[in-house]
Amino acid sequence: MANVNIPCKQIYVNGYWMPIGLDLHECLICNEVLPSESSFKRHLRIHTSGKSFACSECEGKFKHPHHLKEHLRTHTGEQPFACSKCSYKCSNAGNLTKHMRTHSGENKCLICNEVFTSESSFKRHSHIHTSEKSFACFECELKFKHSHHLKEHLHSHTGEKPFACSKCSYKCSKADHLTKHMRIHSDERLFGCPTCKSKFKHSHHLKEHLRTHTGEKPFACSKCNFKCAKKSNITNHNKRMHP
């Protein structure tokens, strides 16, 4: 039987000729089938390195126009996504989805009552209430509950700082340190108080603030009967009263 050459259809996207299957919306690179030609064209961009949508305010470039649209809000300060249960507002739908979980109790720790915006962070947190530490550092005696914590710890021995800020010269050894740092470049405050309208960039600031409502004072001076709601206050107290 003679060989039959089946013609391969192609479409031009971001300077590349990309093959498409006999089904017009099937990607021959990853075999994903898209429901429309427009969604298929958007999908093909994930297989190219081209970023065609450039920001007019900075050097940021994006593969998709909706990513550029979201990014532009970091320059304009626009926050079109509003929480229906509190005064929280943000610049993209993903952050609003995460925030709404703080109202649902979906990822709330029943031991310490801390609320998390994702299931993965909640699962990681649950391990702090157990004592098992299976991952040991071969440079020192420290042990960790999670392999990624060991990996991050090893950077303290090597001096490696693989996490770099895209907006300034800041570099660090841990991904969560970079995440916290990036908040100084944004006006977004993800952590809202359920009792009043206060909002915070960091969860530990919200935790401290909540004590103003509960009256809790977990930090006690070892030399007198002074108690306070913030760790920094006990440090200042000791410097001032017990030098």
C-alpha atoms as a PDB file:
ATOM      1  CA  MET A   1       0.000   0.000   0.000  1.00  0.00           C
ATOM      2  CA  ALA A   2       1.346   3.400  -0.957  1.00  0.00           C
ATOM      3  CA  ASN A   3       2.104   5.958   1.724  1.00  0.00           C
ATOM      4  CA  VAL A   4      -0.536   8.676   1.979  1.00  0.00           C
ATOM      5  CA  ASN A   5       0.566  12.140   3.079  1.00  0.00           C
ATOM      6  CA  ILE A   6      -2.148  13.756   5.153  1.00  0.00           C
ATOM      7  CA  PRO A   7      -1.872  17.530   4.825  1.00  0.00           C
ATOM      8  CA  CYS A   8      -1.052  19.256   8.107  1.00  0.00           C
ATOM      9  CA  LYS A   9      -2.999  22.442   8.730  1.00  0.00           C
ATOM     10  CA  GLN A  10      -1.118  25.323  10.304  1.00  0.00           C
ATOM     11  CA  ILE A  11      -1.942  28.653  11.867  1.00  0.00           C
ATOM     12  CA  TYR A  12       0.360  31.669  12.328  1.00  0.00           C
ATOM     13  CA  VAL A  13       0.630  32.846  15.973  1.00  0.00           C
ATOM     14  CA  ASN A  14       3.278  35.181  17.468  1.00  0.00           C
ATOM     15  CA  GLY A  15       5.711  34.644  14.585  1.00  0.00           C
ATOM     16  CA  TYR A  16       5.333  30.832  14.581  1.00  0.00           C
ATOM     17  CA  TRP A  17       3.574  28.461  12.214  1.00  0.00           C
ATOM     18  CA  MET A  18       1.791  26.060  14.588  1.00  0.00           C
ATOM     19  CA  PRO A  19       0.254  22.721  13.441  1.00  0.00           C
ATOM     20  CA  ILE A  20      -3.408  21.999  14.058  1.00  0.00           C
ATOM     21  CA  GLY A  21      -5.135  18.634  13.704  1.00  0.00           C
ATOM     22  CA  LEU A  22      -7.885  17.624  11.322  1.00  0.00           C
ATOM     23  CA  ASP A  23     -10.238  18.767  14.071  1.00  0.00           C
ATOM     24  CA  LEU A  24      -9.736  22.524  13.663  1.00  0.00           C
ATOM     25  CA  HIS A  25      -9.490  23.117  17.413  1.00  0.00           C
ATOM     26  CA  GLU A  26      -7.218  20.231  18.442  1.00  0.00           C
ATOM     27  CA  CYS A  27      -3.650  21.093  19.467  1.00  0.00           C
ATOM     28  CA  LEU A  28      -1.156  18.572  18.068  1.00  0.00           C
ATOM     29  CA  ILE A  29       1.477  19.592  20.603  1.00  0.00           C
ATOM     30  CA  CYS A  30      -0.420  18.674  23.778  1.00  0.00           C
ATOM     31  CA  ASN A  31      -3.616  17.126  22.255  1.00  0.00           C
ATOM     32  CA  GLU A  32      -5.915  19.540  24.072  1.00  0.00           C
ATOM     33  CA  VAL A  33      -9.185  20.211  22.220  1.00  0.00           C
ATOM     34  CA  LEU A  34     -10.518  23.762  22.410  1.00  0.00           C
ATOM     35  CA  PRO A  35     -14.196  24.732  22.016  1.00  0.00           C
ATOM     36  CA  SER A  36     -13.661  27.677  19.640  1.00  0.00           C
ATOM     37  CA  GLU A  37     -11.104  29.090  17.221  1.00  0.00           C
ATOM     38  CA  SER A  38     -10.478  32.123  19.447  1.00  0.00           C
ATOM     39  CA  SER A  39      -9.762  29.950  22.515  1.00  0.00           C
ATOM     40  CA  PHE A  40      -7.565  27.734  20.346  1.00  0.00           C
ATOM     41  CA  LYS A  41      -5.468  30.728  19.239  1.00  0.00           C
ATOM     42  CA  ARG A  42      -5.077  31.838  22.854  1.00  0.00           C
ATOM     43  CA  HIS A  43      -4.058  28.316  23.835  1.00  0.00           C
ATOM     44  CA  LEU A  44      -1.312  28.125  21.197  1.00  0.00           C
ATOM     45  CA  ARG A  45       0.517  31.014  22.847  1.00  0.00           C
ATOM     46  CA  ILE A  46       1.453  28.785  25.804  1.00  0.00           C
ATOM     47  CA  HIS A  47       3.673  26.789  23.409  1.00  0.00           C
ATOM     48  CA  THR A  48       5.608  29.858  22.271  1.00  0.00           C
ATOM     49  CA  SER A  49       7.917  32.176  24.193  1.00  0.00           C
ATOM     50  CA  GLY A  50       6.456  35.259  22.539  1.00  0.00           C
ATOM     51  CA  LYS A  51       4.873  37.913  24.757  1.00  0.00           C
ATOM     52  CA  SER A  52       3.048  40.213  22.361  1.00  0.00           C
ATOM     53  CA  PHE A  53       1.191  42.434  24.827  1.00  0.00           C
ATOM     54  CA  ALA A  54       3.468  45.127  26.276  1.00  0.00           C
ATOM     55  CA  CYS A  55       2.735  47.508  29.154  1.00  0.00           C
ATOM     56  CA  SER A  56       2.920  51.189  28.217  1.00  0.00           C
ATOM     57  CA  GLU A  57       3.995  52.145  31.766  1.00  0.00           C
ATOM     58  CA  CYS A  58       6.861  49.699  32.410  1.00  0.00           C
ATOM     59  CA  GLU A  59       8.801  46.892  30.717  1.00  0.00           C
ATOM     60  CA  GLY A  60       6.257  44.167  31.533  1.00  0.00           C
ATOM     61  CA  LYS A  61       5.138  41.928  28.655  1.00  0.00           C
ATOM     62  CA  PHE A  62       2.409  39.302  28.591  1.00  0.00           C
ATOM     63  CA  LYS A  63       1.163  36.457  26.394  1.00  0.00           C
ATOM     64  CA  HIS A  64      -2.515  37.269  26.901  1.00  0.00           C
ATOM     65  CA  PRO A  65      -4.338  40.640  26.756  1.00  0.00           C
ATOM     66  CA  HIS A  66      -6.327  39.919  29.932  1.00  0.00           C
ATOM     67  CA  HIS A  67      -3.038  39.470  31.829  1.00  0.00           C
ATOM     68  CA  LEU A  68      -1.905  42.868  30.558  1.00  0.00           C
ATOM     69  CA  LYS A  69      -5.260  44.361  31.591  1.00  0.00           C
ATOM     70  CA  GLU A  70      -4.837  42.982  35.123  1.00  0.00           C
ATOM     71  CA  HIS A  71      -1.244  44.214  35.263  1.00  0.00           C
ATOM     72  CA  LEU A  72      -2.216  47.773  34.247  1.00  0.00           C
ATOM     73  CA  ARG A  73      -4.283  48.021  37.428  1.00  0.00           C
ATOM     74  CA  THR A  74      -1.034  47.948  39.433  1.00  0.00           C
ATOM     75  CA  HIS A  75      -0.273  51.313  37.787  1.00  0.00           C
ATOM     76  CA  THR A  76      -3.771  52.829  37.945  1.00  0.00           C
ATOM     77  CA  GLY A  77      -4.708  51.523  41.392  1.00  0.00           C
ATOM     78  CA  GLU A  78      -8.062  50.348  40.021  1.00  0.00           C
ATOM     79  CA  GLN A  79      -9.733  47.648  42.162  1.00  0.00           C
ATOM     80  CA  PRO A  80     -12.898  46.542  40.341  1.00  0.00           C
ATOM     81  CA  PHE A  81     -13.412  43.292  42.279  1.00  0.00           C
ATOM     82  CA  ALA A  82     -15.289  43.829  45.551  1.00  0.00           C
ATOM     83  CA  CYS A  83     -16.171  41.405  48.347  1.00  0.00           C
ATOM     84  CA  SER A  84     -19.922  41.089  48.995  1.00  0.00           C
ATOM     85  CA  LYS A  85     -19.351  40.430  52.709  1.00  0.00           C
ATOM     86  CA  CYS A  86     -16.858  43.132  53.721  1.00  0.00           C
ATOM     87  CA  SER A  87     -15.131  46.202  52.312  1.00  0.00           C
ATOM     88  CA  TYR A  88     -12.279  44.275  50.683  1.00  0.00           C
ATOM     89  CA  LYS A  89     -11.445  45.219  47.072  1.00  0.00           C
ATOM     90  CA  CYS A  90      -8.724  44.004  44.713  1.00  0.00           C
ATOM     91  CA  SER A  91      -7.426  44.265  41.161  1.00  0.00           C
ATOM     92  CA  ASN A  92      -7.962  40.693  39.919  1.00  0.00           C
ATOM     93  CA  ALA A  93     -10.560  37.963  40.242  1.00  0.00           C
ATOM     94  CA  GLY A  94      -8.092  35.384  41.576  1.00  0.00           C
ATOM     95  CA  ASN A  95      -7.312  37.445  44.673  1.00  0.00           C
ATOM     96  CA  LEU A  96     -11.020  37.937  45.349  1.00  0.00           C
ATOM     97  CA  THR A  97     -11.582  34.174  45.130  1.00  0.00           C
ATOM     98  CA  LYS A  98      -8.795  33.619  47.687  1.00  0.00           C
ATOM     99  CA  HIS A  99     -10.189  36.324  49.950  1.00  0.00           C
ATOM    100  CA  MET A 100     -13.720  34.838  49.928  1.00  0.00           C
ATOM    101  CA  ARG A 101     -12.331  31.695  51.554  1.00  0.00           C
ATOM    102  CA  THR A 102     -11.644  33.740  54.695  1.00  0.00           C
ATOM    103  CA  HIS A 103     -15.431  34.125  55.047  1.00  0.00           C
ATOM    104  CA  SER A 104     -16.392  30.528  54.260  1.00  0.00           C
ATOM    105  CA  GLY A 105     -14.306  28.821  56.953  1.00  0.00           C
ATOM    106  CA  GLU A 106     -13.308  26.420  54.188  1.00  0.00           C
ATOM    107  CA  ASN A 107      -9.610  26.441  55.117  1.00  0.00           C
ATOM    108  CA  LYS A 108      -9.832  27.301  58.812  1.00  0.00           C
ATOM    109  CA  CYS A 109      -7.618  25.516  61.315  1.00  0.00           C
ATOM    110  CA  LEU A 110      -9.783  24.177  64.158  1.00  0.00           C
ATOM    111  CA  ILE A 111      -6.798  24.141  66.522  1.00  0.00           C
ATOM    112  CA  CYS A 112      -5.580  27.748  66.282  1.00  0.00           C
ATOM    113  CA  ASN A 113      -8.443  29.309  64.220  1.00  0.00           C
ATOM    114  CA  GLU A 114      -6.074  30.689  61.550  1.00  0.00           C
ATOM    115  CA  VAL A 115      -7.732  31.027  58.122  1.00  0.00           C
ATOM    116  CA  PHE A 116      -5.936  30.303  54.833  1.00  0.00           C
ATOM    117  CA  THR A 117      -6.676  31.426  51.292  1.00  0.00           C
ATOM    118  CA  SER A 118      -5.711  28.109  49.655  1.00  0.00           C
ATOM    119  CA  GLU A 119      -6.053  24.423  50.490  1.00  0.00           C
ATOM    120  CA  SER A 120      -2.326  23.815  49.913  1.00  0.00           C
ATOM    121  CA  SER A 121      -1.266  26.449  52.477  1.00  0.00           C
ATOM    122  CA  PHE A 122      -3.829  25.069  54.926  1.00  0.00           C
ATOM    123  CA  LYS A 123      -2.416  21.533  54.563  1.00  0.00           C
ATOM    124  CA  ARG A 124       1.132  22.816  55.088  1.00  0.00           C
ATOM    125  CA  HIS A 125      -0.009  24.697  58.168  1.00  0.00           C
ATOM    126  CA  SER A 126      -1.670  21.607  59.702  1.00  0.00           C
ATOM    127  CA  HIS A 127       1.751  20.000  60.120  1.00  0.00           C
ATOM    128  CA  ILE A 128       2.831  22.617  62.668  1.00  0.00           C
ATOM    129  CA  HIS A 129       0.477  20.968  65.149  1.00  0.00           C
ATOM    130  CA  THR A 130       2.383  17.667  64.942  1.00  0.00           C
ATOM    131  CA  SER A 131       5.894  16.932  66.250  1.00  0.00           C
ATOM    132  CA  GLU A 132       7.244  14.731  63.434  1.00  0.00           C
ATOM    133  CA  LYS A 133      10.253  16.136  61.514  1.00  0.00           C
ATOM    134  CA  SER A 134      11.497  13.700  58.866  1.00  0.00           C
ATOM    135  CA  PHE A 135      13.839  15.895  56.801  1.00  0.00           C
ATOM    136  CA  ALA A 136      17.298  16.429  58.343  1.00  0.00           C
ATOM    137  CA  CYS A 137      19.982  18.908  57.248  1.00  0.00           C
ATOM    138  CA  PHE A 138      23.353  17.218  56.528  1.00  0.00           C
ATOM    139  CA  GLU A 139      25.212  20.467  57.390  1.00  0.00           C
ATOM    140  CA  CYS A 140      23.771  21.012  60.876  1.00  0.00           C
ATOM    141  CA  GLU A 141      21.402  19.346  63.337  1.00  0.00           C
ATOM    142  CA  LEU A 142      18.188  21.019  62.202  1.00  0.00           C
ATOM    143  CA  LYS A 143      15.222  18.916  61.082  1.00  0.00           C
ATOM    144  CA  PHE A 144      12.087  19.920  59.164  1.00  0.00           C
ATOM    145  CA  LYS A 145       8.556  18.695  58.625  1.00  0.00           C
ATOM    146  CA  HIS A 146       8.589  19.483  54.901  1.00  0.00           C
ATOM    147  CA  SER A 147      11.188  18.796  52.188  1.00  0.00           C
ATOM    148  CA  HIS A 148      10.801  22.306  50.726  1.00  0.00           C
ATOM    149  CA  HIS A 149      11.635  23.808  54.130  1.00  0.00           C
ATOM    150  CA  LEU A 150      14.840  21.759  54.174  1.00  0.00           C
ATOM    151  CA  LYS A 151      15.631  22.919  50.636  1.00  0.00           C
ATOM    152  CA  GLU A 152      15.107  26.552  51.622  1.00  0.00           C
ATOM    153  CA  HIS A 153      17.166  26.071  54.792  1.00  0.00           C
ATOM    154  CA  LEU A 154      20.115  24.761  52.767  1.00  0.00           C
ATOM    155  CA  HIS A 155      20.318  28.183  51.116  1.00  0.00           C
ATOM    156  CA  SER A 156      21.439  29.535  54.510  1.00  0.00           C
ATOM    157  CA  HIS A 157      24.548  27.350  54.189  1.00  0.00           C
ATOM    158  CA  THR A 158      25.236  28.055  50.522  1.00  0.00           C
ATOM    159  CA  GLY A 159      24.279  31.751  50.570  1.00  0.00           C
ATOM    160  CA  GLU A 160      22.122  31.186  47.492  1.00  0.00           C
ATOM    161  CA  LYS A 161      19.282  33.679  46.921  1.00  0.00           C
ATOM    162  CA  PRO A 162      17.319  32.318  43.949  1.00  0.00           C
ATOM    163  CA  PHE A 163      14.198  34.442  44.469  1.00  0.00           C
ATOM    164  CA  ALA A 164      14.481  37.911  42.926  1.00  0.00           C
ATOM    165  CA  CYS A 165      12.030  40.806  42.875  1.00  0.00           C
ATOM    166  CA  SER A 166      11.030  41.924  39.373  1.00  0.00           C
ATOM    167  CA  LYS A 167      10.585  45.543  40.506  1.00  0.00           C
ATOM    168  CA  CYS A 168      13.706  46.236  42.600  1.00  0.00           C
ATOM    169  CA  SER A 169      17.062  44.661  43.509  1.00  0.00           C
ATOM    170  CA  TYR A 170      15.705  42.617  46.424  1.00  0.00           C
ATOM    171  CA  LYS A 171      16.735  38.938  46.501  1.00  0.00           C
ATOM    172  CA  CYS A 172      16.052  36.251  49.088  1.00  0.00           C
ATOM    173  CA  SER A 173      16.425  32.571  49.863  1.00  0.00           C
ATOM    174  CA  LYS A 174      12.758  31.753  50.463  1.00  0.00           C
ATOM    175  CA  ALA A 175       9.733  32.001  48.163  1.00  0.00           C
ATOM    176  CA  ASP A 176       7.415  33.191  50.935  1.00  0.00           C
ATOM    177  CA  HIS A 177       9.832  36.021  51.784  1.00  0.00           C
ATOM    178  CA  LEU A 178       9.576  37.207  48.177  1.00  0.00           C
ATOM    179  CA  THR A 179       5.776  36.950  48.298  1.00  0.00           C
ATOM    180  CA  LYS A 180       5.694  39.122  51.421  1.00  0.00           C
ATOM    181  CA  HIS A 181       8.192  41.562  49.917  1.00  0.00           C
ATOM    182  CA  MET A 182       6.103  42.024  46.738  1.00  0.00           C
ATOM    183  CA  ARG A 183       3.295  43.457  48.853  1.00  0.00           C
ATOM    184  CA  ILE A 184       5.348  46.626  49.407  1.00  0.00           C
ATOM    185  CA  HIS A 185       4.969  47.279  45.658  1.00  0.00           C
ATOM    186  CA  SER A 186       1.194  46.856  45.833  1.00  0.00           C
ATOM    187  CA  ASP A 187      -1.660  48.611  47.644  1.00  0.00           C
ATOM    188  CA  GLU A 188      -3.646  45.391  47.936  1.00  0.00           C
ATOM    189  CA  ARG A 189      -4.591  44.243  51.427  1.00  0.00           C
ATOM    190  CA  LEU A 190      -5.796  40.636  51.314  1.00  0.00           C
ATOM    191  CA  PHE A 191      -6.492  40.178  55.019  1.00  0.00           C
ATOM    192  CA  GLY A 192      -9.691  41.837  56.227  1.00  0.00           C
ATOM    193  CA  CYS A 193     -10.904  42.057  59.827  1.00  0.00           C
ATOM    194  CA  PRO A 194     -14.326  40.362  60.286  1.00  0.00           C
ATOM    195  CA  THR A 195     -15.193  42.775  63.127  1.00  0.00           C
ATOM    196  CA  CYS A 196     -14.327  46.159  61.590  1.00  0.00           C
ATOM    197  CA  LYS A 197     -13.276  47.539  58.215  1.00  0.00           C
ATOM    198  CA  SER A 198      -9.518  47.334  58.792  1.00  0.00           C
ATOM    199  CA  LYS A 199      -7.451  45.531  56.140  1.00  0.00           C
ATOM    200  CA  PHE A 200      -3.853  44.362  56.205  1.00  0.00           C
ATOM    201  CA  LYS A 201      -1.141  43.253  53.793  1.00  0.00           C
ATOM    202  CA  HIS A 202       0.071  40.450  56.057  1.00  0.00           C
ATOM    203  CA  SER A 203      -1.806  37.792  58.036  1.00  0.00           C
ATOM    204  CA  HIS A 204       0.282  38.338  61.190  1.00  0.00           C
ATOM    205  CA  HIS A 205      -0.716  42.024  61.204  1.00  0.00           C
ATOM    206  CA  LEU A 206      -4.380  40.972  61.089  1.00  0.00           C
ATOM    207  CA  LYS A 207      -3.729  38.489  63.909  1.00  0.00           C
ATOM    208  CA  GLU A 208      -2.228  41.268  66.047  1.00  0.00           C
ATOM    209  CA  HIS A 209      -5.108  43.597  65.197  1.00  0.00           C
ATOM    210  CA  LEU A 210      -7.741  41.043  66.242  1.00  0.00           C
ATOM    211  CA  ARG A 211      -6.389  41.230  69.798  1.00  0.00           C
ATOM    212  CA  THR A 212      -7.661  44.819  69.983  1.00  0.00           C
ATOM    213  CA  HIS A 213     -11.157  43.315  69.728  1.00  0.00           C
ATOM    214  CA  THR A 214     -10.625  40.291  71.968  1.00  0.00           C
ATOM    215  CA  GLY A 215      -8.458  41.982  74.594  1.00  0.00           C
ATOM    216  CA  GLU A 216      -6.004  39.084  74.435  1.00  0.00           C
ATOM    217  CA  LYS A 217      -2.489  39.868  75.764  1.00  0.00           C
ATOM    218  CA  PRO A 218      -0.324  36.794  75.149  1.00  0.00           C
ATOM    219  CA  PHE A 219       3.058  38.473  75.753  1.00  0.00           C
ATOM    220  CA  ALA A 220       4.058  38.732  79.423  1.00  0.00           C
ATOM    221  CA  CYS A 221       7.109  40.297  81.031  1.00  0.00           C
ATOM    222  CA  SER A 222       9.206  37.838  83.054  1.00  0.00           C
ATOM    223  CA  LYS A 223      10.296  40.562  85.494  1.00  0.00           C
ATOM    224  CA  CYS A 224       6.997  42.302  86.297  1.00  0.00           C
ATOM    225  CA  ASN A 225       3.239  41.936  85.720  1.00  0.00           C
ATOM    226  CA  PHE A 226       3.232  43.825  82.392  1.00  0.00           C
ATOM    227  CA  LYS A 227       1.320  42.126  79.538  1.00  0.00           C
ATOM    228  CA  CYS A 228       0.651  43.230  75.971  1.00  0.00           C
ATOM    229  CA  ALA A 229      -0.840  42.220  72.626  1.00  0.00           C
ATOM    230  CA  LYS A 230       2.274  42.668  70.448  1.00  0.00           C
ATOM    231  CA  LYS A 231       5.680  41.034  70.703  1.00  0.00           C
ATOM    232  CA  SER A 232       7.361  44.324  69.759  1.00  0.00           C
ATOM    233  CA  ASN A 233       5.714  46.012  72.760  1.00  0.00           C
ATOM    234  CA  ILE A 234       7.252  43.533  75.198  1.00  0.00           C
ATOM    235  CA  THR A 235      10.666  44.146  73.603  1.00  0.00           C
ATOM    236  CA  ASN A 236      10.257  47.922  73.987  1.00  0.00           C
ATOM    237  CA  HIS A 237       9.008  47.477  77.557  1.00  0.00           C
ATOM    238  CA  ASN A 238      12.085  45.484  78.555  1.00  0.00           C
ATOM    239  CA  LYS A 239      14.439  48.056  77.019  1.00  0.00           C
ATOM    240  CA  ARG A 240      12.671  50.901  78.785  1.00  0.00           C
ATOM    241  CA  MET A 241      11.850  49.361  82.187  1.00  0.00           C
ATOM    242  CA  HIS A 242      14.444  46.600  82.615  1.00  0.00           C
ATOM    243  CA  PRO A 243      17.607  47.768  80.797  1.00  0.00           C
END
